[in-house]
All heavy atoms as atom14 arrays in JSON, in Angstrom:
{
  "sequence": "ISFGGVISFIYADLLVVPLIIIYGKYYGTRA",
  "atom14_mask": [
    [1, 1, 1, 1, 1, 1, 1, 1, 0, 0, 0, 0, 0, 0],
    [1, 1, 1, 1, 1, 1, 0, 0, 0, 0, 0, 0, 0, 0],
    [1, 1, 1, 1, 1, 1, 1, 1, 1, 1, 1, 0, 0, 0],
    [1, 1, 1, 1, 0, 0, 0, 0, 0, 0, 0, 0, 0, 0],
    [1, 1, 1, 1, 0, 0, 0, 0, 0, 0, 0, 0, 0, 0],
    [1, 1, 1, 1, 1, 1, 1, 0, 0, 0, 0, 0, 0, 0],
    [1, 1, 1, 1, 1, 1, 1, 1, 0, 0, 0, 0, 0, 0],
    [1, 1, 1, 1, 1, 1, 0, 0, 0, 0, 0, 0, 0, 0],
    [1, 1, 1, 1, 1, 1, 1, 1, 1, 1, 1, 0, 0, 0],
    [1, 1, 1, 1, 1, 1, 1, 1, 0, 0, 0, 0, 0, 0],
    [1, 1, 1, 1, 1, 1, 1, 1, 1, 1, 1, 1, 0, 0],
    [1, 1, 1, 1, 1, 0, 0, 0, 0, 0, 0, 0, 0, 0],
    [1, 1, 1, 1, 1, 1, 1, 1, 0, 0, 0, 0, 0, 0],
    [1, 1, 1, 1, 1, 1, 1, 1, 0, 0, 0, 0, 0, 0],
    [1, 1, 1, 1, 1, 1, 1, 1, 0, 0, 0, 0, 0, 0],
    [1, 1, 1, 1, 1, 1, 1, 0, 0, 0, 0, 0, 0, 0],
    [1, 1, 1, 1, 1, 1, 1, 0, 0, 0, 0, 0, 0, 0],
    [1, 1, 1, 1, 1, 1, 1, 0, 0, 0, 0, 0, 0, 0],
    [1, 1, 1, 1, 1, 1, 1, 1, 0, 0, 0, 0, 0, 0],
    [1, 1, 1, 1, 1, 1, 1, 1, 0, 0, 0, 0, 0, 0],
    [1, 1, 1, 1, 1, 1, 1, 1, 0, 0, 0, 0, 0, 0],
    [1, 1, 1, 1, 1, 1, 1, 1, 0, 0, 0, 0, 0, 0],
    [1, 1, 1, 1, 1, 1, 1, 1, 1, 1, 1, 1, 0, 0],
    [1, 1, 1, 1, 0, 0, 0, 0, 0, 0, 0, 0, 0, 0],
    [1, 1, 1, 1, 1, 1, 1, 1, 1, 0, 0, 0, 0, 0],
    [1, 1, 1, 1, 1, 1, 1, 1, 1, 1, 1, 1, 0, 0],
    [1, 1, 1, 1, 1, 1, 1, 1, 1, 1, 1, 1, 0, 0],
    [1, 1, 1, 1, 0, 0, 0, 0, 0, 0, 0, 0, 0, 0],
    [1, 1, 1, 1, 1, 1, 1, 0, 0, 0, 0, 0, 0, 0],
    [1, 1, 1, 1, 1, 1, 1, 1, 1, 1, 1, 0, 0, 0],
    [1, 1, 1, 1, 1, 0, 0, 0, 0, 0, 0, 0, 0, 0]
  ],
  "atom14_positions": [
    [[-51.46, -149.89, 58.36], [-50.38, -150.82, 58.66], [-49.07, -150.28, 58.07], [-49.09, -149.54, 57.07], [-50.68, -152.22, 58.1], [-49.73, -153.27, 58.71], [-50.59, -152.25, 56.6], [-50.08, -154.71, 58.35], [0.0, 0.0, 0.0], [0.0, 0.0, 0.0], [0.0, 0.0, 0.0], [0.0, 0.0, 0.0], [0.0, 0.0, 0.0], [0.0, 0.0, 0.0]],
    [[-47.95, -150.62, 58.68], [-46.66, -150.13, 58.22], [-46.25, -150.79, 56.9], [-46.82, -151.81, 56.5], [-45.58, -150.39, 59.27], [-45.35, -151.79, 59.4], [0.0, 0.0, 0.0], [0.0, 0.0, 0.0], [0.0, 0.0, 0.0], [0.0, 0.0, 0.0], [0.0, 0.0, 0.0], [0.0, 0.0, 0.0], [0.0, 0.0, 0.0], [0.0, 0.0, 0.0]],
    [[-45.25, -150.2, 56.26], [-44.72, -150.75, 55.01], [-44.24, -152.19, 55.22], [-44.57, -153.09, 54.46], [-43.58, -149.86, 54.52], [-43.1, -150.16, 53.13], [-43.78, -149.69, 52.03], [-41.95, -150.91, 52.94], [-43.33, -149.96, 50.74], [-41.48, -151.18, 51.66], [-42.18, -150.71, 50.56], [0.0, 0.0, 0.0], [0.0, 0.0, 0.0], [0.0, 0.0, 0.0]],
    [[-43.45, -152.39, 56.27], [-42.97, -153.74, 56.57], [-44.08, -154.68, 56.97], [-44.01, -155.88, 56.71], [0.0, 0.0, 0.0], [0.0, 0.0, 0.0], [0.0, 0.0, 0.0], [0.0, 0.0, 0.0], [0.0, 0.0, 0.0], [0.0, 0.0, 0.0], [0.0, 0.0, 0.0], [0.0, 0.0, 0.0], [0.0, 0.0, 0.0], [0.0, 0.0, 0.0]],
    [[-45.12, -154.15, 57.62], [-46.26, -154.99, 57.99], [-46.98, -155.54, 56.78], [-47.43, -156.7, 56.78], [0.0, 0.0, 0.0], [0.0, 0.0, 0.0], [0.0, 0.0, 0.0], [0.0, 0.0, 0.0], [0.0, 0.0, 0.0], [0.0, 0.0, 0.0], [0.0, 0.0, 0.0], [0.0, 0.0, 0.0], [0.0, 0.0, 0.0], [0.0, 0.0, 0.0]],
    [[-47.11, -154.71, 55.72], [-47.72, -155.18, 54.48], [-46.89, -156.33, 53.89], [-47.43, -157.36, 53.47], [-47.83, -154.03, 53.45], [-48.24, -154.57, 52.08], [-48.83, -153.01, 53.92], [0.0, 0.0, 0.0], [0.0, 0.0, 0.0], [0.0, 0.0, 0.0], [0.0, 0.0, 0.0], [0.0, 0.0, 0.0], [0.0, 0.0, 0.0], [0.0, 0.0, 0.0]],
    [[-45.57, -156.16, 53.85], [-44.7, -157.17, 53.27], [-44.78, -158.46, 54.08], [-44.86, -159.57, 53.51], [-43.25, -156.65, 53.19], [-43.19, -155.38, 52.32], [-42.34, -157.72, 52.61], [-43.69, -155.54, 50.91], [0.0, 0.0, 0.0], [0.0, 0.0, 0.0], [0.0, 0.0, 0.0], [0.0, 0.0, 0.0], [0.0, 0.0, 0.0], [0.0, 0.0, 0.0]],
    [[-44.77, -158.36, 55.4], [-44.89, -159.55, 56.25], [-46.22, -160.25, 56.0], [-46.29, -161.48, 55.97], [-44.77, -159.15, 57.72], [-43.5, -158.64, 58.02], [0.0, 0.0, 0.0], [0.0, 0.0, 0.0], [0.0, 0.0, 0.0], [0.0, 0.0, 0.0], [0.0, 0.0, 0.0], [0.0, 0.0, 0.0], [0.0, 0.0, 0.0], [0.0, 0.0, 0.0]],
    [[-47.28, -159.47, 55.83], [-48.59, -160.05, 55.53], [-48.56, -160.84, 54.24], [-49.05, -161.99, 54.17], [-49.63, -158.93, 55.44], [-50.95, -159.35, 54.85], [-51.91, -159.98, 55.62], [-51.23, -159.12, 53.5], [-53.12, -160.39, 55.07], [-52.42, -159.51, 52.95], [-53.37, -160.15, 53.73], [0.0, 0.0, 0.0], [0.0, 0.0, 0.0], [0.0, 0.0, 0.0]],
    [[-47.96, -160.28, 53.19], [-47.92, -160.96, 51.9], [-47.1, -162.24, 51.98], [-47.46, -163.27, 51.38], [-47.34, -160.01, 50.82], [-48.29, -158.83, 50.6], [-47.12, -160.76, 49.51], [-47.72, -157.75, 49.7], [0.0, 0.0, 0.0], [0.0, 0.0, 0.0], [0.0, 0.0, 0.0], [0.0, 0.0, 0.0], [0.0, 0.0, 0.0], [0.0, 0.0, 0.0]],
    [[-46.01, -162.21, 52.75], [-45.14, -163.38, 52.86], [-45.77, -164.54, 53.63], [-45.24, -165.65, 53.6], [-43.82, -163.0, 53.53], [-42.92, -162.15, 52.67], [-41.99, -161.3, 53.25], [-43.0, -162.19, 51.29], [-41.16, -160.51, 52.48], [-42.17, -161.41, 50.51], [-41.26, -160.57, 51.1], [-40.44, -159.79, 50.32], [0.0, 0.0, 0.0], [0.0, 0.0, 0.0]],
    [[-46.86, -164.29, 54.32], [-47.49, -165.34, 55.12], [-48.47, -166.18, 54.31], [-49.3, -166.88, 54.88], [-48.2, -164.73, 56.33], [0.0, 0.0, 0.0], [0.0, 0.0, 0.0], [0.0, 0.0, 0.0], [0.0, 0.0, 0.0], [0.0, 0.0, 0.0], [0.0, 0.0, 0.0], [0.0, 0.0, 0.0], [0.0, 0.0, 0.0], [0.0, 0.0, 0.0]],
    [[-48.36, -166.14, 52.97], [-49.3, -166.89, 52.14], [-49.12, -168.4, 52.26], [-49.98, -169.18, 51.86], [-49.2, -166.47, 50.67], [-47.81, -166.68, 50.1], [-46.87, -166.93, 50.87], [-47.66, -166.59, 48.86], [0.0, 0.0, 0.0], [0.0, 0.0, 0.0], [0.0, 0.0, 0.0], [0.0, 0.0, 0.0], [0.0, 0.0, 0.0], [0.0, 0.0, 0.0]],
    [[-47.99, -168.85, 52.82], [-47.77, -170.28, 53.04], [-48.09, -170.69, 54.48], [-47.73, -171.77, 54.92], [-46.33, -170.65, 52.71], [-45.97, -170.66, 51.22], [-44.47, -170.8, 51.03], [-46.69, -171.78, 50.49], [0.0, 0.0, 0.0], [0.0, 0.0, 0.0], [0.0, 0.0, 0.0], [0.0, 0.0, 0.0], [0.0, 0.0, 0.0], [0.0, 0.0, 0.0]],
    [[-48.81, -169.82, 55.2], [-49.12, -170.08, 56.6], [-50.62, -170.11, 56.89], [-51.0, -170.09, 58.07], [-48.45, -169.02, 57.49], [-46.96, -169.22, 57.78], [-46.43, -168.04, 58.59], [-46.73, -170.52, 58.54], [0.0, 0.0, 0.0], [0.0, 0.0, 0.0], [0.0, 0.0, 0.0], [0.0, 0.0, 0.0], [0.0, 0.0, 0.0], [0.0, 0.0, 0.0]],
    [[-51.46, -170.12, 55.87], [-52.89, -170.18, 56.14], [-53.22, -171.52, 56.83], [-52.51, -172.52, 56.65], [-53.72, -170.01, 54.86], [-53.53, -168.61, 54.3], [-53.35, -171.05, 53.81], [0.0, 0.0, 0.0], [0.0, 0.0, 0.0], [0.0, 0.0, 0.0], [0.0, 0.0, 0.0], [0.0, 0.0, 0.0], [0.0, 0.0, 0.0], [0.0, 0.0, 0.0]],
    [[-54.28, -171.52, 57.61], [-54.61, -172.67, 58.46], [-54.69, -173.99, 57.7], [-54.12, -175.01, 58.13], [-55.9, -172.39, 59.25], [-56.34, -173.64, 60.02], [-55.71, -171.23, 60.21], [0.0, 0.0, 0.0], [0.0, 0.0, 0.0], [0.0, 0.0, 0.0], [0.0, 0.0, 0.0], [0.0, 0.0, 0.0], [0.0, 0.0, 0.0], [0.0, 0.0, 0.0]],
    [[-55.37, -174.05, 56.53], [-55.42, -175.34, 55.81], [-54.03, -175.86, 55.44], [-53.8, -177.07, 55.46], [-56.24, -175.02, 54.56], [-57.07, -173.84, 54.94], [-56.2, -173.03, 55.86], [0.0, 0.0, 0.0], [0.0, 0.0, 0.0], [0.0, 0.0, 0.0], [0.0, 0.0, 0.0], [0.0, 0.0, 0.0], [0.0, 0.0, 0.0], [0.0, 0.0, 0.0]],
    [[-53.11, -174.94, 55.1], [-51.76, -175.38, 54.74], [-51.0, -175.92, 55.94], [-50.24, -176.89, 55.81], [-50.98, -174.22, 54.11], [-51.16, -174.04, 52.6], [-50.42, -172.79, 52.14], [-50.68, -175.25, 51.85], [0.0, 0.0, 0.0], [0.0, 0.0, 0.0], [0.0, 0.0, 0.0], [0.0, 0.0, 0.0], [0.0, 0.0, 0.0], [0.0, 0.0, 0.0]],
    [[-51.19, -175.32, 57.1], [-50.53, -175.82, 58.31], [-50.99, -177.25, 58.59], [-50.2, -178.13, 58.97], [-50.82, -174.9, 59.51], [-50.19, -173.53, 59.28], [-50.3, -175.51, 60.81], [-50.53, -172.51, 60.34], [0.0, 0.0, 0.0], [0.0, 0.0, 0.0], [0.0, 0.0, 0.0], [0.0, 0.0, 0.0], [0.0, 0.0, 0.0], [0.0, 0.0, 0.0]],
    [[-52.28, -177.51, 58.38], [-52.81, -178.87, 58.55], [-52.19, -179.82, 57.54], [-51.83, -180.97, 57.85], [-54.35, -178.86, 58.42], [-54.96, -178.03, 59.56], [-54.91, -180.28, 58.43], [-56.45, -177.81, 59.42], [0.0, 0.0, 0.0], [0.0, 0.0, 0.0], [0.0, 0.0, 0.0], [0.0, 0.0, 0.0], [0.0, 0.0, 0.0], [0.0, 0.0, 0.0]],
    [[-52.03, -179.34, 56.3], [-51.41, -180.16, 55.25], [-49.96, -180.48, 55.59], [-49.49, -181.61, 55.39], [-51.51, -179.44, 53.89], [-52.96, -179.47, 53.38], [-50.59, -180.08, 52.86], [-53.19, -178.64, 52.15], [0.0, 0.0, 0.0], [0.0, 0.0, 0.0], [0.0, 0.0, 0.0], [0.0, 0.0, 0.0], [0.0, 0.0, 0.0], [0.0, 0.0, 0.0]],
    [[-49.23, -179.5, 56.14], [-47.85, -179.77, 56.56], [-47.81, -180.91, 57.57], [-46.91, -181.77, 57.53], [-47.21, -178.53, 57.18], [-47.07, -177.35, 56.24], [-47.17, -176.04, 56.73], [-46.83, -177.53, 54.89], [-47.04, -174.96, 55.89], [-46.71, -176.44, 54.04], [-46.82, -175.15, 54.54], [-46.69, -174.09, 53.7], [0.0, 0.0, 0.0], [0.0, 0.0, 0.0]],
    [[-48.79, -180.93, 58.49], [-48.85, -182.01, 59.47], [-49.09, -183.36, 58.82], [-48.5, -184.37, 59.22], [0.0, 0.0, 0.0], [0.0, 0.0, 0.0], [0.0, 0.0, 0.0], [0.0, 0.0, 0.0], [0.0, 0.0, 0.0], [0.0, 0.0, 0.0], [0.0, 0.0, 0.0], [0.0, 0.0, 0.0], [0.0, 0.0, 0.0], [0.0, 0.0, 0.0]],
    [[-49.93, -183.39, 57.79], [-50.2, -184.65, 57.08], [-48.98, -185.1, 56.28], [-48.68, -186.29, 56.2], [-51.4, -184.49, 56.16], [-52.73, -184.31, 56.89], [-53.87, -184.2, 55.91], [-55.21, -184.09, 56.62], [-56.34, -183.98, 55.67], [0.0, 0.0, 0.0], [0.0, 0.0, 0.0], [0.0, 0.0, 0.0], [0.0, 0.0, 0.0], [0.0, 0.0, 0.0]],
    [[-48.29, -184.14, 55.68], [-47.13, -184.48, 54.86], [-45.94, -184.93, 55.71], [-45.29, -185.94, 55.4], [-46.68, -183.26, 54.06], [-47.49, -182.97, 52.82], [-47.3, -181.78, 52.13], [-48.44, -183.86, 52.33], [-48.02, -181.48, 50.98], [-49.16, -183.58, 51.19], [-48.96, -182.39, 50.52], [-49.65, -182.1, 49.39], [0.0, 0.0, 0.0], [0.0, 0.0, 0.0]],
    [[-45.63, -184.17, 56.77], [-44.35, -184.33, 57.44], [-44.45, -184.71, 58.92], [-43.41, -184.96, 59.55], [-43.55, -183.02, 57.35], [-43.44, -182.47, 55.95], [-43.94, -181.21, 55.63], [-42.84, -183.21, 54.93], [-43.84, -180.7, 54.34], [-42.74, -182.71, 53.64], [-43.25, -181.45, 53.36], [-43.15, -180.95, 52.08], [0.0, 0.0, 0.0], [0.0, 0.0, 0.0]],
    [[-45.65, -184.76, 59.49], [-45.79, -185.05, 60.91], [-45.95, -183.78, 61.73], [-45.58, -182.68, 61.29], [0.0, 0.0, 0.0], [0.0, 0.0, 0.0], [0.0, 0.0, 0.0], [0.0, 0.0, 0.0], [0.0, 0.0, 0.0], [0.0, 0.0, 0.0], [0.0, 0.0, 0.0], [0.0, 0.0, 0.0], [0.0, 0.0, 0.0], [0.0, 0.0, 0.0]],
    [[-46.47, -183.92, 62.94], [-46.79, -182.76, 63.78], [-45.55, -181.97, 64.17], [-45.54, -180.74, 64.13], [-47.53, -183.22, 65.04], [-48.71, -183.95, 64.66], [-47.94, -182.02, 65.89], [0.0, 0.0, 0.0], [0.0, 0.0, 0.0], [0.0, 0.0, 0.0], [0.0, 0.0, 0.0], [0.0, 0.0, 0.0], [0.0, 0.0, 0.0], [0.0, 0.0, 0.0]],
    [[-44.49, -182.65, 64.56], [-43.28, -181.94, 65.0], [-42.69, -181.1, 63.87], [-42.38, -179.91, 64.05], [-42.22, -182.93, 65.49], [-42.48, -183.49, 66.87], [-41.2, -183.96, 67.51], [-40.43, -184.86, 66.64], [-39.16, -185.21, 66.87], [-38.52, -184.71, 67.92], [-38.53, -186.03, 66.06], [0.0, 0.0, 0.0], [0.0, 0.0, 0.0], [0.0, 0.0, 0.0]],
    [[-42.52, -181.7, 62.7], [-41.96, -180.96, 61.57], [-42.87, -179.81, 61.16], [-42.4, -178.71, 60.84], [-41.73, -181.9, 60.39], [0.0, 0.0, 0.0], [0.0, 0.0, 0.0], [0.0, 0.0, 0.0], [0.0, 0.0, 0.0], [0.0, 0.0, 0.0], [0.0, 0.0, 0.0], [0.0, 0.0, 0.0], [0.0, 0.0, 0.0], [0.0, 0.0, 0.0]]
  ]
}
């Protein structure tokens, strides 16, 4: 993977599937 690809991968730690579900519970589906 490229240098930037590694960095993008690391930055996605707030996008794992359980967290996306939690965002829906916290703020609603649209948000």
